[in-house]
Protein backbone atom coordinates (compact mmCIF):
# COMPACT_ATOMS: atom_id res chain seq x y z
CA MET A 1 -10.80 169.75 11.53
CA VAL A 2 -7.96 166.98 11.38
CA ILE A 3 -4.63 166.83 10.80
CA ASN A 4 -2.68 163.20 10.14
CA ILE A 5 0.88 163.44 10.08
CA THR A 6 2.82 159.94 8.76
CA LEU A 7 6.61 159.90 9.58
CA ARG A 8 8.48 157.36 6.99
CA GLY A 9 11.80 156.06 8.13
CA ILE A 10 11.24 156.54 11.58
CA ASP A 11 12.69 152.51 12.13
CA LYS A 12 15.66 153.30 9.67
CA LEU A 13 16.12 156.40 11.94
CA GLU A 14 15.98 154.15 15.29
CA ARG A 15 18.73 151.53 13.47
CA PHE A 16 20.88 154.72 12.80
CA LEU A 17 20.68 156.50 16.10
CA LYS A 18 21.13 152.70 17.98
CA LYS A 19 24.38 152.42 16.02
CA LYS A 20 25.66 155.81 16.79
CA SER A 21 25.01 155.58 20.34
CA VAL A 22 26.94 152.71 20.22
CA GLU A 23 30.12 154.22 18.53
CA ILE A 24 29.84 156.97 21.01
CA GLU A 25 29.95 154.73 24.24
CA ARG A 26 33.13 152.85 22.35
CA LEU A 27 34.66 156.12 21.53
CA THR A 28 34.25 157.59 25.24
CA ASN A 29 35.14 154.76 26.68
CA LYS A 30 38.50 154.65 24.50
CA GLY A 31 39.02 158.25 24.93
CA VAL A 32 38.37 158.15 29.08
CA GLU A 33 41.00 154.83 28.93
CA GLU A 34 43.64 156.65 27.08
CA ALA A 35 42.87 160.07 29.49
CA GLY A 36 43.43 157.89 32.43
CA GLU A 37 46.85 155.98 31.15
CA PHE A 38 48.11 160.42 30.44
CA LEU A 39 47.23 160.82 33.98
CA LYS A 40 48.50 157.78 35.41
CA SER A 41 52.17 158.77 33.45
CA GLU A 42 51.48 162.11 34.92
CA ILE A 43 51.35 161.30 38.59
CA GLN A 44 54.37 158.47 37.93
CA ALA A 45 56.71 161.65 36.62
CA SER A 46 55.23 163.20 39.82
CA ILE A 47 56.09 160.74 42.07
CA LYS A 48 60.07 160.55 40.56
CA GLY A 49 60.35 163.78 41.16
CA GLU A 50 60.53 165.17 37.16
CA ARG A 51 57.44 168.10 38.37
CA ALA A 52 57.16 170.49 40.74
CA GLU A 53 56.45 168.30 44.01
CA SER A 54 59.27 166.65 46.05
CA ARG A 55 60.34 163.25 45.07
CA SER A 56 58.46 160.54 46.97
CA VAL A 57 60.28 157.65 46.02
CA SER A 58 62.60 155.07 48.23
CA THR A 59 61.50 151.64 47.09
CA GLY A 60 59.02 152.14 44.56
CA GLU A 61 56.34 150.58 46.30
CA PHE A 62 54.30 153.76 45.70
CA LEU A 63 55.21 154.40 42.54
CA ASN A 64 54.33 151.09 41.15
CA SER A 65 51.27 151.10 42.71
CA VAL A 66 49.80 153.87 40.98
CA GLU A 67 47.06 152.38 38.51
CA ALA A 68 44.48 153.62 36.23
CA ARG A 69 41.30 151.72 35.63
CA ASN A 70 38.25 153.10 33.81
CA GLY A 71 39.29 156.70 34.10
CA VAL A 72 39.67 156.70 37.85
CA VAL A 73 43.67 156.70 38.51
CA SER A 74 44.42 155.76 41.80
CA SER A 75 47.12 154.02 44.73
CA ASP A 76 46.47 151.18 47.09
CA VAL A 77 49.47 151.52 49.17
CA PRO A 78 48.98 153.09 52.76
CA GLN A 79 51.97 155.72 52.21
CA ALA A 80 49.79 157.19 49.40
CA LYS A 81 47.35 158.87 51.49
CA PHE A 82 49.92 160.58 54.00
CA LEU A 83 51.92 161.45 51.41
CA GLU A 84 49.00 163.38 49.31
CA PHE A 85 47.66 165.22 51.90
CA GLY A 86 50.78 165.66 54.51
CA THR A 87 51.21 164.21 58.15
CA ARG A 88 52.37 166.27 61.13
CA LYS A 89 56.01 165.18 60.51
CA VAL A 90 55.52 165.16 56.62
CA HIS A 91 54.68 167.60 54.28
CA GLU A 92 51.82 167.05 51.63
CA ARG A 93 53.10 166.28 47.96
CA ARG A 94 49.80 166.51 46.29
CA HIS A 95 50.89 164.37 43.47
CA PHE A 96 47.56 163.45 42.35
CA ARG A 97 45.97 166.98 43.25
CA ASN A 98 48.13 168.87 41.29
CA SER A 99 49.16 166.37 38.30
CA ALA A 100 45.38 166.37 38.07
CA ASP A 101 44.93 170.07 37.96
CA ARG A 102 47.86 170.12 35.63
CA SER A 103 46.63 167.80 33.04
CA LYS A 104 43.08 169.07 32.91
CA HIS A 105 43.57 171.08 29.19
CA LYS A 106 45.67 167.97 27.88
CA ILE A 107 42.86 165.50 29.42
CA LYS A 108 40.06 167.57 28.26
CA ASP A 109 41.61 167.33 24.43
CA ILE A 110 42.34 163.66 24.63
CA LEU A 111 38.61 163.07 25.29
CA GLY A 112 37.25 165.83 22.40
CA ASP A 113 39.51 164.06 19.94
CA ALA A 114 37.81 160.66 21.21
CA LEU A 115 34.78 161.99 20.09
CA LYS A 116 35.84 163.90 16.78
CA LYS A 117 36.16 160.49 15.00
CA LEU A 118 32.41 159.94 15.17
């Protein structure tokens, strides 16, 4: 016994899925960028003393060093790690970790809203 199955429109389906995958990637990237910028602004507010953590601004170098690229928020100034994690003489301020924790629901919403545009 032989059963033949013929699928029609596979090429159309492949084109549709390829188009959607490009759109999903574009919207995901846009959402990740928006979430990164949001987190950056929250970290900067924390550094300025506008959140629960102690203010960490003297020259503005640390505050202005915070950047967001491809959803990664970072600072490249040496004092960033000392302020974030503390030292024997400086209490930890946790600007990055606390801001990320406070922002996780908003970041989830930003990413979800980006994908709802499909």
